[in-house]
Amino acid sequence: MREIKLNHINKKLKLKTECDQEVIDQIEEYINENYERHNLKNTSIPKLEISNLLLINAVFEVLTLRKERDKNFERIKSILSKV
């Protein structure tokens, strides 16, 4: 069980996942930073709903970055093996 602390609502979101803590930390950071960056305090949309949308975006972004990193790592590994 992992926890993501949602600073803007003073709650923790508990997730049953096999993600490592580094990924969870990245997702938590993404949600909290983007909530502040986009100034979402004074909206008519419930804070928890905004948090859920940010969670979806965070997971997509983290997974995309990891996929890209892995792809680049394989390319670098291939180049180094030829040298």
PDB file of N, CA and C in Angstrom:
ATOM      1  N   MET A   1       0.855  -1.180   0.000  1.00  0.00           N
ATOM      2  CA  MET A   1       0.000   0.000   0.000  1.00  0.00           C
ATOM      3  C   MET A   1       0.896   1.237   0.000  1.00  0.00           C
ATOM      4  N   ARG A   2       0.624   2.154  -0.901  1.00  0.00           N
ATOM      5  CA  ARG A   2       1.382   3.413  -1.007  1.00  0.00           C
ATOM      6  C   ARG A   2       0.449   4.582  -0.739  1.00  0.00           C
ATOM      7  N   GLU A   3       1.037   5.681  -0.307  1.00  0.00           N
ATOM      8  CA  GLU A   3       0.250   6.881  -0.011  1.00  0.00           C
ATOM      9  C   GLU A   3       0.774   8.073  -0.798  1.00  0.00           C
ATOM     10  N   ILE A   4      -0.171   8.877  -1.275  1.00  0.00           N
ATOM     11  CA  ILE A   4       0.145  10.144  -1.927  1.00  0.00           C
ATOM     12  C   ILE A   4      -0.503  11.229  -1.079  1.00  0.00           C
ATOM     13  N   LYS A   5       0.309  12.141  -0.584  1.00  0.00           N
ATOM     14  CA  LYS A   5      -0.213  13.226   0.253  1.00  0.00           C
ATOM     15  C   LYS A   5      -0.692  14.356  -0.646  1.00  0.00           C
ATOM     16  N   LEU A   6      -1.964  14.689  -0.526  1.00  0.00           N
ATOM     17  CA  LEU A   6      -2.563  15.774  -1.292  1.00  0.00           C
ATOM     18  C   LEU A   6      -2.567  17.017  -0.415  1.00  0.00           C
ATOM     19  N   ASN A   7      -1.579  17.878  -0.614  1.00  0.00           N
ATOM     20  CA  ASN A   7      -1.387  19.048   0.240  1.00  0.00           C
ATOM     21  C   ASN A   7      -2.586  19.987   0.250  1.00  0.00           C
ATOM     22  N   HIS A   8      -3.237  20.166  -0.878  1.00  0.00           N
ATOM     23  CA  HIS A   8      -4.315  21.138  -0.996  1.00  0.00           C
ATOM     24  C   HIS A   8      -5.598  20.741  -0.278  1.00  0.00           C
ATOM     25  N   ILE A   9      -5.742  19.470   0.070  1.00  0.00           N
ATOM     26  CA  ILE A   9      -6.922  19.068   0.838  1.00  0.00           C
ATOM     27  C   ILE A   9      -6.552  18.385   2.154  1.00  0.00           C
ATOM     28  N   ASN A  10      -5.274  18.399   2.471  1.00  0.00           N
ATOM     29  CA  ASN A  10      -4.784  17.813   3.720  1.00  0.00           C
ATOM     30  C   ASN A  10      -5.252  16.371   3.925  1.00  0.00           C
ATOM     31  N   LYS A  11      -5.149  15.585   2.871  1.00  0.00           N
ATOM     32  CA  LYS A  11      -5.533  14.180   2.951  1.00  0.00           C
ATOM     33  C   LYS A  11      -4.488  13.342   2.253  1.00  0.00           C
ATOM     34  N   LYS A  12      -4.549  12.043   2.515  1.00  0.00           N
ATOM     35  CA  LYS A  12      -3.656  11.103   1.855  1.00  0.00           C
ATOM     36  C   LYS A  12      -4.495  10.160   1.006  1.00  0.00           C
ATOM     37  N   LEU A  13      -4.011   9.946  -0.186  1.00  0.00           N
ATOM     38  CA  LEU A  13      -4.651   9.019  -1.099  1.00  0.00           C
ATOM     39  C   LEU A  13      -3.892   7.704  -1.000  1.00  0.00           C
ATOM     40  N   LYS A  14      -4.579   6.641  -0.635  1.00  0.00           N
ATOM     41  CA  LYS A  14      -3.935   5.340  -0.479  1.00  0.00           C
ATOM     42  C   LYS A  14      -4.173   4.512  -1.728  1.00  0.00           C
ATOM     43  N   LEU A  15      -3.076   3.978  -2.251  1.00  0.00           N
ATOM     44  CA  LEU A  15      -3.130   3.188  -3.470  1.00  0.00           C
ATOM     45  C   LEU A  15      -2.537   1.810  -3.237  1.00  0.00           C
ATOM     46  N   LYS A  16      -3.225   0.820  -3.715  1.00  0.00           N
ATOM     47  CA  LYS A  16      -2.670  -0.524  -3.689  1.00  0.00           C
ATOM     48  C   LYS A  16      -1.977  -0.708  -5.027  1.00  0.00           C
ATOM     49  N   THR A  17      -0.656  -0.664  -5.008  1.00  0.00           N
ATOM     50  CA  THR A  17       0.122  -0.696  -6.238  1.00  0.00           C
ATOM     51  C   THR A  17       1.469  -1.344  -6.009  1.00  0.00           C
ATOM     52  N   GLU A  18       2.057  -1.777  -7.085  1.00  0.00           N
ATOM     53  CA  GLU A  18       3.400  -2.338  -7.020  1.00  0.00           C
ATOM     54  C   GLU A  18       4.446  -1.343  -7.512  1.00  0.00           C
ATOM     55  N   CYS A  19       4.029  -0.107  -7.762  1.00  0.00           N
ATOM     56  CA  CYS A  19       4.972   0.941  -8.168  1.00  0.00           C
ATOM     57  C   CYS A  19       5.986   1.162  -7.054  1.00  0.00           C
ATOM     58  N   ASP A  20       7.206   1.485  -7.460  1.00  0.00           N
ATOM     59  CA  ASP A  20       8.198   1.782  -6.437  1.00  0.00           C
ATOM     60  C   ASP A  20       7.953   3.179  -5.863  1.00  0.00           C
ATOM     61  N   GLN A  21       8.551   3.463  -4.748  1.00  0.00           N
ATOM     62  CA  GLN A  21       8.317   4.719  -4.035  1.00  0.00           C
ATOM     63  C   GLN A  21       8.735   5.928  -4.875  1.00  0.00           C
ATOM     64  N   GLU A  22       9.747   5.761  -5.710  1.00  0.00           N
ATOM     65  CA  GLU A  22      10.208   6.862  -6.559  1.00  0.00           C
ATOM     66  C   GLU A  22       9.087   7.336  -7.492  1.00  0.00           C
ATOM     67  N   VAL A  23       8.366   6.406  -8.078  1.00  0.00           N
ATOM     68  CA  VAL A  23       7.257   6.755  -8.974  1.00  0.00           C
ATOM     69  C   VAL A  23       6.138   7.423  -8.184  1.00  0.00           C
ATOM     70  N   ILE A  24       5.830   6.890  -7.025  1.00  0.00           N
ATOM     71  CA  ILE A  24       4.786   7.477  -6.177  1.00  0.00           C
ATOM     72  C   ILE A  24       5.164   8.905  -5.794  1.00  0.00           C
ATOM     73  N   ASP A  25       6.425   9.121  -5.466  1.00  0.00           N
ATOM     74  CA  ASP A  25       6.895  10.466  -5.108  1.00  0.00           C
ATOM     75  C   ASP A  25       6.764  11.427  -6.291  1.00  0.00           C
ATOM     76  N   GLN A  26       7.075  10.946  -7.486  1.00  0.00           N
ATOM     77  CA  GLN A  26       6.944  11.784  -8.681  1.00  0.00           C
ATOM     78  C   GLN A  26       5.479  12.159  -8.925  1.00  0.00           C
ATOM     79  N   ILE A  27       4.594  11.214  -8.739  1.00  0.00           N
ATOM     80  CA  ILE A  27       3.167  11.468  -8.932  1.00  0.00           C
ATOM     81  C   ILE A  27       2.669  12.472  -7.892  1.00  0.00           C
ATOM     82  N   GLU A  28       3.069  12.279  -6.649  1.00  0.00           N
ATOM     83  CA  GLU A  28       2.678  13.210  -5.575  1.00  0.00           C
ATOM     84  C   GLU A  28       3.170  14.625  -5.881  1.00  0.00           C
ATOM     85  N   GLU A  29       4.403  14.733  -6.295  1.00  0.00           N
ATOM     86  CA  GLU A  29       4.985  16.033  -6.620  1.00  0.00           C
ATOM     87  C   GLU A  29       4.232  16.683  -7.786  1.00  0.00           C
ATOM     88  N   TYR A  30       3.925  15.901  -8.791  1.00  0.00           N
ATOM     89  CA  TYR A  30       3.205  16.408  -9.957  1.00  0.00           C
ATOM     90  C   TYR A  30       1.842  16.975  -9.549  1.00  0.00           C
ATOM     91  N   ILE A  31       1.091  16.219  -8.779  1.00  0.00           N
ATOM     92  CA  ILE A  31      -0.251  16.653  -8.364  1.00  0.00           C
ATOM     93  C   ILE A  31      -0.164  17.941  -7.558  1.00  0.00           C
ATOM     94  N   ASN A  32       0.696  17.960  -6.550  1.00  0.00           N
ATOM     95  CA  ASN A  32       0.780  19.131  -5.675  1.00  0.00           C
ATOM     96  C   ASN A  32       1.301  20.366  -6.405  1.00  0.00           C
ATOM     97  N   GLU A  33       2.298  20.192  -7.256  1.00  0.00           N
ATOM     98  CA  GLU A  33       2.844  21.336  -7.992  1.00  0.00           C
ATOM     99  C   GLU A  33       1.838  21.889  -8.998  1.00  0.00           C
ATOM    100  N   ASN A  34       1.170  21.007  -9.714  1.00  0.00           N
ATOM    101  CA  ASN A  34       0.230  21.475 -10.737  1.00  0.00           C
ATOM    102  C   ASN A  34      -1.023  22.090 -10.132  1.00  0.00           C
ATOM    103  N   TYR A  35      -1.423  21.611  -8.989  1.00  0.00           N
ATOM    104  CA  TYR A  35      -2.565  22.232  -8.313  1.00  0.00           C
ATOM    105  C   TYR A  35      -2.237  23.688  -7.983  1.00  0.00           C
ATOM    106  N   GLU A  36      -1.047  23.904  -7.453  1.00  0.00           N
ATOM    107  CA  GLU A  36      -0.610  25.268  -7.114  1.00  0.00           C
ATOM    108  C   GLU A  36      -0.350  26.100  -8.369  1.00  0.00           C
ATOM    109  N   ARG A  37       0.320  25.529  -9.338  1.00  0.00           N
ATOM    110  CA  ARG A  37       0.701  26.251 -10.552  1.00  0.00           C
ATOM    111  C   ARG A  37      -0.514  26.773 -11.313  1.00  0.00           C
ATOM    112  N   HIS A  38      -1.560  25.985 -11.381  1.00  0.00           N
ATOM    113  CA  HIS A  38      -2.747  26.361 -12.147  1.00  0.00           C
ATOM    114  C   HIS A  38      -3.770  27.139 -11.318  1.00  0.00           C
ATOM    115  N   ASN A  39      -3.398  27.440 -10.080  1.00  0.00           N
ATOM    116  CA  ASN A  39      -4.253  28.250  -9.206  1.00  0.00           C
ATOM    117  C   ASN A  39      -5.690  27.713  -9.186  1.00  0.00           C
ATOM    118  N   LEU A  40      -5.829  26.480  -8.759  1.00  0.00           N
ATOM    119  CA  LEU A  40      -7.125  25.807  -8.773  1.00  0.00           C
ATOM    120  C   LEU A  40      -7.889  25.918  -7.453  1.00  0.00           C
ATOM    121  N   LYS A  41      -7.471  26.829  -6.612  1.00  0.00           N
ATOM    122  CA  LYS A  41      -8.100  26.971  -5.294  1.00  0.00           C
ATOM    123  C   LYS A  41      -9.538  27.480  -5.363  1.00  0.00           C
ATOM    124  N   ASN A  42      -9.799  28.395  -6.271  1.00  0.00           N
ATOM    125  CA  ASN A  42     -11.102  29.060  -6.304  1.00  0.00           C
ATOM    126  C   ASN A  42     -11.953  28.609  -7.486  1.00  0.00           C
ATOM    127  N   THR A  43     -12.104  27.324  -7.650  1.00  0.00           N
ATOM    128  CA  THR A  43     -12.938  26.806  -8.727  1.00  0.00           C
ATOM    129  C   THR A  43     -14.190  26.175  -8.149  1.00  0.00           C
ATOM    130  N   SER A  44     -15.179  26.014  -9.000  1.00  0.00           N
ATOM    131  CA  SER A  44     -16.416  25.373  -8.552  1.00  0.00           C
ATOM    132  C   SER A  44     -16.303  23.851  -8.602  1.00  0.00           C
ATOM    133  N   ILE A  45     -15.224  23.355  -9.190  1.00  0.00           N
ATOM    134  CA  ILE A  45     -14.997  21.904  -9.273  1.00  0.00           C
ATOM    135  C   ILE A  45     -14.453  21.426  -7.929  1.00  0.00           C
ATOM    136  N   PRO A  46     -14.998  20.337  -7.400  1.00  0.00           N
ATOM    137  CA  PRO A  46     -14.499  19.818  -6.114  1.00  0.00           C
ATOM    138  C   PRO A  46     -13.008  19.482  -6.169  1.00  0.00           C
ATOM    139  N   LYS A  47     -12.315  19.758  -5.081  1.00  0.00           N
ATOM    140  CA  LYS A  47     -10.869  19.547  -5.010  1.00  0.00           C
ATOM    141  C   LYS A  47     -10.472  18.099  -5.251  1.00  0.00           C
ATOM    142  N   LEU A  48     -11.281  17.179  -4.762  1.00  0.00           N
ATOM    143  CA  LEU A  48     -10.958  15.762  -4.949  1.00  0.00           C
ATOM    144  C   LEU A  48     -11.071  15.364  -6.417  1.00  0.00           C
ATOM    145  N   GLU A  49     -12.026  15.928  -7.114  1.00  0.00           N
ATOM    146  CA  GLU A  49     -12.171  15.657  -8.545  1.00  0.00           C
ATOM    147  C   GLU A  49     -10.960  16.195  -9.313  1.00  0.00           C
ATOM    148  N   ILE A  50     -10.515  17.376  -8.957  1.00  0.00           N
ATOM    149  CA  ILE A  50      -9.311  17.949  -9.578  1.00  0.00           C
ATOM    150  C   ILE A  50      -8.115  17.053  -9.292  1.00  0.00           C
ATOM    151  N   SER A  51      -8.011  16.575  -8.054  1.00  0.00           N
ATOM    152  CA  SER A  51      -6.907  15.684  -7.675  1.00  0.00           C
ATOM    153  C   SER A  51      -6.908  14.422  -8.518  1.00  0.00           C
ATOM    154  N   ASN A  52      -8.090  13.870  -8.759  1.00  0.00           N
ATOM    155  CA  ASN A  52      -8.184  12.658  -9.576  1.00  0.00           C
ATOM    156  C   ASN A  52      -7.725  12.912 -11.010  1.00  0.00           C
ATOM    157  N   LEU A  53      -8.104  14.046 -11.568  1.00  0.00           N
ATOM    158  CA  LEU A  53      -7.668  14.389 -12.922  1.00  0.00           C
ATOM    159  C   LEU A  53      -6.156  14.589 -12.973  1.00  0.00           C
ATOM    160  N   LEU A  54      -5.622  15.258 -11.965  1.00  0.00           N
ATOM    161  CA  LEU A  54      -4.172  15.444 -11.902  1.00  0.00           C
ATOM    162  C   LEU A  54      -3.452  14.110 -11.725  1.00  0.00           C
ATOM    163  N   LEU A  55      -4.054  13.201 -10.983  1.00  0.00           N
ATOM    164  CA  LEU A  55      -3.472  11.866 -10.802  1.00  0.00           C
ATOM    165  C   LEU A  55      -3.371  11.147 -12.142  1.00  0.00           C
ATOM    166  N   ILE A  56      -4.423  11.210 -12.927  1.00  0.00           N
ATOM    167  CA  ILE A  56      -4.412  10.570 -14.243  1.00  0.00           C
ATOM    168  C   ILE A  56      -3.319  11.175 -15.122  1.00  0.00           C
ATOM    169  N   ASN A  57      -3.236  12.502 -15.127  1.00  0.00           N
ATOM    170  CA  ASN A  57      -2.199  13.177 -15.910  1.00  0.00           C
ATOM    171  C   ASN A  57      -0.804  12.812 -15.422  1.00  0.00           C
ATOM    172  N   ALA A  58      -0.636  12.741 -14.114  1.00  0.00           N
ATOM    173  CA  ALA A  58       0.664  12.419 -13.538  1.00  0.00           C
ATOM    174  C   ALA A  58       1.106  11.016 -13.935  1.00  0.00           C
ATOM    175  N   VAL A  59       0.211  10.067 -13.831  1.00  0.00           N
ATOM    176  CA  VAL A  59       0.551   8.688 -14.188  1.00  0.00           C
ATOM    177  C   VAL A  59       0.942   8.619 -15.663  1.00  0.00           C
ATOM    178  N   PHE A  60       0.168   9.275 -16.504  1.00  0.00           N
ATOM    179  CA  PHE A  60       0.486   9.285 -17.937  1.00  0.00           C
ATOM    180  C   PHE A  60       1.866   9.889 -18.185  1.00  0.00           C
ATOM    181  N   GLU A  61       2.134  11.027 -17.560  1.00  0.00           N
ATOM    182  CA  GLU A  61       3.412  11.702 -17.768  1.00  0.00           C
ATOM    183  C   GLU A  61       4.586  10.872 -17.249  1.00  0.00           C
ATOM    184  N   VAL A  62       4.459  10.314 -16.065  1.00  0.00           N
ATOM    185  CA  VAL A  62       5.538   9.508 -15.485  1.00  0.00           C
ATOM    186  C   VAL A  62       5.791   8.273 -16.336  1.00  0.00           C
ATOM    187  N   LEU A  63       4.737   7.606 -16.763  1.00  0.00           N
ATOM    188  CA  LEU A  63       4.916   6.405 -17.580  1.00  0.00           C
ATOM    189  C   LEU A  63       5.504   6.741 -18.947  1.00  0.00           C
ATOM    190  N   THR A  64       5.101   7.852 -19.523  1.00  0.00           N
ATOM    191  CA  THR A  64       5.654   8.280 -20.808  1.00  0.00           C
ATOM    192  C   THR A  64       7.134   8.579 -20.674  1.00  0.00           C
ATOM    193  N   LEU A  65       7.508   9.281 -19.600  1.00  0.00           N
ATOM    194  CA  LEU A  65       8.917   9.600 -19.386  1.00  0.00           C
ATOM    195  C   LEU A  65       9.740   8.346 -19.163  1.00  0.00           C
ATOM    196  N   ARG A  66       9.212   7.399 -18.427  1.00  0.00           N
ATOM    197  CA  ARG A  66       9.947   6.146 -18.193  1.00  0.00           C
ATOM    198  C   ARG A  66      10.120   5.360 -19.485  1.00  0.00           C
ATOM    199  N   LYS A  67       9.072   5.329 -20.288  1.00  0.00           N
ATOM    200  CA  LYS A  67       9.132   4.612 -21.554  1.00  0.00           C
ATOM    201  C   LYS A  67      10.190   5.246 -22.459  1.00  0.00           C
ATOM    202  N   GLU A  68      10.201   6.581 -22.503  1.00  0.00           N
ATOM    203  CA  GLU A  68      11.178   7.299 -23.310  1.00  0.00           C
ATOM    204  C   GLU A  68      12.598   7.065 -22.785  1.00  0.00           C
ATOM    205  N   ARG A  69      12.746   7.091 -21.467  1.00  0.00           N
ATOM    206  CA  ARG A  69      14.060   6.854 -20.868  1.00  0.00           C
ATOM    207  C   ARG A  69      14.557   5.451 -21.201  1.00  0.00           C
ATOM    208  N   ASP A  70      13.681   4.462 -21.095  1.00  0.00           N
ATOM    209  CA  ASP A  70      14.064   3.088 -21.404  1.00  0.00           C
ATOM    210  C   ASP A  70      14.446   2.928 -22.871  1.00  0.00           C
ATOM    211  N   LYS A  71      13.693   3.585 -23.734  1.00  0.00           N
ATOM    212  CA  LYS A  71      13.984   3.541 -25.169  1.00  0.00           C
ATOM    213  C   LYS A  71      15.357   4.156 -25.449  1.00  0.00           C
ATOM    214  N   ASN A  72      15.628   5.301 -24.841  1.00  0.00           N
ATOM    215  CA  ASN A  72      16.925   5.956 -25.021  1.00  0.00           C
ATOM    216  C   ASN A  72      18.057   5.112 -24.446  1.00  0.00           C
ATOM    217  N   PHE A  73      17.806   4.479 -23.306  1.00  0.00           N
ATOM    218  CA  PHE A  73      18.819   3.625 -22.693  1.00  0.00           C
ATOM    219  C   PHE A  73      19.177   2.470 -23.624  1.00  0.00           C
ATOM    220  N   GLU A  74      18.178   1.860 -24.223  1.00  0.00           N
ATOM    221  CA  GLU A  74      18.434   0.751 -25.153  1.00  0.00           C
ATOM    222  C   GLU A  74      19.214   1.234 -26.368  1.00  0.00           C
ATOM    223  N   ARG A  75      18.898   2.414 -26.861  1.00  0.00           N
ATOM    224  CA  ARG A  75      19.608   2.972 -28.007  1.00  0.00           C
ATOM    225  C   ARG A  75      21.073   3.247 -27.654  1.00  0.00           C
ATOM    226  N   ILE A  76      21.290   3.825 -26.495  1.00  0.00           N
ATOM    227  CA  ILE A  76      22.661   4.111 -26.037  1.00  0.00           C
ATOM    228  C   ILE A  76      23.424   2.808 -25.839  1.00  0.00           C
ATOM    229  N   LYS A  77      22.782   1.849 -25.249  1.00  0.00           N
ATOM    230  CA  LYS A  77      23.405   0.535 -25.017  1.00  0.00           C
ATOM    231  C   LYS A  77      23.808  -0.104 -26.342  1.00  0.00           C
ATOM    232  N   SER A  78      22.955   0.013 -27.347  1.00  0.00           N
ATOM    233  CA  SER A  78      23.246  -0.533 -28.658  1.00  0.00           C
ATOM    234  C   SER A  78      24.435   0.166 -29.300  1.00  0.00           C
ATOM    235  N   ILE A  79      24.473   1.474 -29.189  1.00  0.00           N
ATOM    236  CA  ILE A  79      25.586   2.263 -29.747  1.00  0.00           C
ATOM    237  C   ILE A  79      26.894   1.899 -29.052  1.00  0.00           C
ATOM    238  N   LEU A  80      26.881   1.791 -27.736  1.00  0.00           N
ATOM    239  CA  LEU A  80      28.086   1.464 -26.981  1.00  0.00           C
ATOM    240  C   LEU A  80      28.591   0.066 -27.297  1.00  0.00           C
ATOM    241  N   SER A  81      27.695  -0.841 -27.568  1.00  0.00           N
ATOM    242  CA  SER A  81      28.131  -2.201 -27.884  1.00  0.00           C
ATOM    243  C   SER A  81      28.837  -2.278 -29.232  1.00  0.00           C
ATOM    244  N   LYS A  82      28.564  -1.295 -30.097  1.00  0.00           N
ATOM    245  CA  LYS A  82      29.213  -1.264 -31.416  1.00  0.00           C
ATOM    246  C   LYS A  82      30.579  -0.587 -31.362  1.00  0.00           C
ATOM    247  N   VAL A  83      30.822   0.159 -30.307  1.00  0.00           N
ATOM    248  CA  VAL A  83      32.076   0.894 -30.197  1.00  0.00           C
ATOM    249  C   VAL A  83      33.186   0.029 -29.675  1.00  0.00           C
TER     250      VAL A  83
END
